[in-house]
Amino acid sequence: MESLFSTKFDFMPESESRAIVYTKQIAYPSADKLTNYKYVLSKVNNNWLIDEYLTECYLCEGTGKFYGKSCTQCKGFGYEPMYWF
């Protein structure tokens, strides 16, 4: 198992003002696998800001498919928005 503080990421620029960052990290201390996260970034005044913070869908595990059909939880996208309460 990887360290709790270990994170792997891929920076995928879509344009000069928009990018996607995919990360793999441990979601919580007792997790036995890495969880995929997706950050949608926008460049504003030469700074990157997070527009969306998404987590891999727990039902289809990021595939967008569940039992051969479009996943009803993430609507086939593979990721879901993260919300803080």
C-alpha atoms as a PDB file:
ATOM      1  CA  MET A   1       0.000   0.000   0.000  1.00  0.00           C
ATOM      2  CA  GLU A   2       1.231   3.506  -0.768  1.00  0.00           C
ATOM      3  CA  SER A   3       1.883   6.169   1.821  1.00  0.00           C
ATOM      4  CA  LEU A   4      -1.094   8.207   3.029  1.00  0.00           C
ATOM      5  CA  PHE A   5       0.603  11.321   1.656  1.00  0.00           C
ATOM      6  CA  SER A   6       1.519   9.839  -1.712  1.00  0.00           C
ATOM      7  CA  THR A   7      -0.270  11.339  -4.689  1.00  0.00           C
ATOM      8  CA  LYS A   8       0.270  10.711  -8.380  1.00  0.00           C
ATOM      9  CA  PHE A   9      -1.047  13.222 -10.904  1.00  0.00           C
ATOM     10  CA  ASP A  10      -1.298  13.988 -14.603  1.00  0.00           C
ATOM     11  CA  PHE A  11      -1.719  17.561 -15.849  1.00  0.00           C
ATOM     12  CA  MET A  12      -3.673  17.654 -19.122  1.00  0.00           C
ATOM     13  CA  PRO A  13      -3.928  21.152 -20.642  1.00  0.00           C
ATOM     14  CA  GLU A  14      -6.973  21.587 -22.878  1.00  0.00           C
ATOM     15  CA  SER A  15      -6.132  25.178 -23.796  1.00  0.00           C
ATOM     16  CA  GLU A  16      -4.074  28.063 -22.406  1.00  0.00           C
ATOM     17  CA  SER A  17      -6.850  28.851 -19.938  1.00  0.00           C
ATOM     18  CA  ARG A  18      -8.290  25.413 -19.074  1.00  0.00           C
ATOM     19  CA  ALA A  19      -6.750  22.182 -17.822  1.00  0.00           C
ATOM     20  CA  ILE A  20      -7.694  18.869 -16.244  1.00  0.00           C
ATOM     21  CA  VAL A  21      -5.641  17.291 -13.467  1.00  0.00           C
ATOM     22  CA  TYR A  22      -6.134  13.595 -12.722  1.00  0.00           C
ATOM     23  CA  THR A  23      -4.853  12.332  -9.371  1.00  0.00           C
ATOM     24  CA  LYS A  24      -4.630   8.970  -7.638  1.00  0.00           C
ATOM     25  CA  GLN A  25      -4.490   9.020  -3.879  1.00  0.00           C
ATOM     26  CA  ILE A  26      -5.647   7.218  -0.789  1.00  0.00           C
ATOM     27  CA  ALA A  27      -9.122   8.489   0.030  1.00  0.00           C
ATOM     28  CA  TYR A  28      -8.923   7.789   3.761  1.00  0.00           C
ATOM     29  CA  PRO A  29      -6.382   6.116   6.099  1.00  0.00           C
ATOM     30  CA  SER A  30      -7.979   2.647   6.084  1.00  0.00           C
ATOM     31  CA  ALA A  31      -8.430   2.559   2.290  1.00  0.00           C
ATOM     32  CA  ASP A  32      -6.872  -0.439   0.582  1.00  0.00           C
ATOM     33  CA  LYS A  33      -6.772   1.090  -2.906  1.00  0.00           C
ATOM     34  CA  LEU A  34      -6.109   4.392  -4.583  1.00  0.00           C
ATOM     35  CA  THR A  35      -9.040   6.610  -5.528  1.00  0.00           C
ATOM     36  CA  ASN A  36      -9.072   8.652  -8.723  1.00  0.00           C
ATOM     37  CA  TYR A  37      -9.906  12.347  -8.554  1.00  0.00           C
ATOM     38  CA  LYS A  38     -10.334  14.887 -11.334  1.00  0.00           C
ATOM     39  CA  TYR A  39      -9.813  18.630 -10.990  1.00  0.00           C
ATOM     40  CA  VAL A  40     -11.057  21.002 -13.696  1.00  0.00           C
ATOM     41  CA  LEU A  41      -8.935  24.162 -13.630  1.00  0.00           C
ATOM     42  CA  SER A  42      -9.323  27.599 -15.204  1.00  0.00           C
ATOM     43  CA  LYS A  43      -6.589  30.173 -15.518  1.00  0.00           C
ATOM     44  CA  VAL A  44      -7.647  33.577 -14.185  1.00  0.00           C
ATOM     45  CA  ASN A  45      -5.194  36.485 -13.912  1.00  0.00           C
ATOM     46  CA  ASN A  46      -2.301  34.073 -14.484  1.00  0.00           C
ATOM     47  CA  ASN A  47      -3.417  31.816 -11.588  1.00  0.00           C
ATOM     48  CA  TRP A  48      -4.974  28.349 -11.847  1.00  0.00           C
ATOM     49  CA  LEU A  49      -8.289  28.056  -9.982  1.00  0.00           C
ATOM     50  CA  ILE A  50     -10.310  24.893  -9.329  1.00  0.00           C
ATOM     51  CA  ASP A  51     -13.668  25.024 -11.115  1.00  0.00           C
ATOM     52  CA  GLU A  52     -14.732  21.460 -10.351  1.00  0.00           C
ATOM     53  CA  TYR A  53     -13.512  18.748  -7.989  1.00  0.00           C
ATOM     54  CA  LEU A  54     -14.702  15.285  -8.992  1.00  0.00           C
ATOM     55  CA  THR A  55     -14.195  11.802  -7.604  1.00  0.00           C
ATOM     56  CA  GLU A  56     -14.348   8.490  -9.390  1.00  0.00           C
ATOM     57  CA  CYS A  57     -17.868   7.059  -9.305  1.00  0.00           C
ATOM     58  CA  TYR A  58     -18.133   4.451  -6.554  1.00  0.00           C
ATOM     59  CA  LEU A  59     -20.732   2.416  -8.447  1.00  0.00           C
ATOM     60  CA  CYS A  60     -19.019   1.917 -11.828  1.00  0.00           C
ATOM     61  CA  GLU A  61     -15.472   2.602 -10.523  1.00  0.00           C
ATOM     62  CA  GLY A  62     -14.869   5.237 -13.177  1.00  0.00           C
ATOM     63  CA  THR A  63     -15.855   3.184 -16.217  1.00  0.00           C
ATOM     64  CA  GLY A  64     -19.173   4.920 -16.842  1.00  0.00           C
ATOM     65  CA  LYS A  65     -20.791   1.482 -17.279  1.00  0.00           C
ATOM     66  CA  PHE A  66     -22.633  -0.645 -14.740  1.00  0.00           C
ATOM     67  CA  TYR A  67     -23.756  -4.115 -15.802  1.00  0.00           C
ATOM     68  CA  GLY A  68     -23.271  -3.182 -19.443  1.00  0.00           C
ATOM     69  CA  LYS A  69     -25.409  -0.047 -19.312  1.00  0.00           C
ATOM     70  CA  SER A  70     -24.690   3.616 -18.679  1.00  0.00           C
ATOM     71  CA  CYS A  71     -24.117   4.076 -14.950  1.00  0.00           C
ATOM     72  CA  THR A  72     -27.135   5.691 -13.282  1.00  0.00           C
ATOM     73  CA  GLN A  73     -25.045   7.214 -10.481  1.00  0.00           C
ATOM     74  CA  CYS A  74     -22.629   9.231 -12.660  1.00  0.00           C
ATOM     75  CA  LYS A  75     -24.775   9.172 -15.821  1.00  0.00           C
ATOM     76  CA  GLY A  76     -21.992   7.443 -17.747  1.00  0.00           C
ATOM     77  CA  PHE A  77     -19.389  10.119 -17.017  1.00  0.00           C
ATOM     78  CA  GLY A  78     -17.283   7.989 -14.627  1.00  0.00           C
ATOM     79  CA  TYR A  79     -16.818  10.824 -12.113  1.00  0.00           C
ATOM     80  CA  GLU A  80     -19.108  12.570  -9.630  1.00  0.00           C
ATOM     81  CA  PRO A  81     -18.879  16.046  -8.072  1.00  0.00           C
ATOM     82  CA  MET A  82     -17.394  16.227  -4.587  1.00  0.00           C
ATOM     83  CA  TYR A  83     -19.356  18.250  -2.072  1.00  0.00           C
ATOM     84  CA  TRP A  84     -18.264  19.558   1.302  1.00  0.00           C
ATOM     85  CA  PHE A  85     -20.895  19.886   3.987  1.00  0.00           C
END
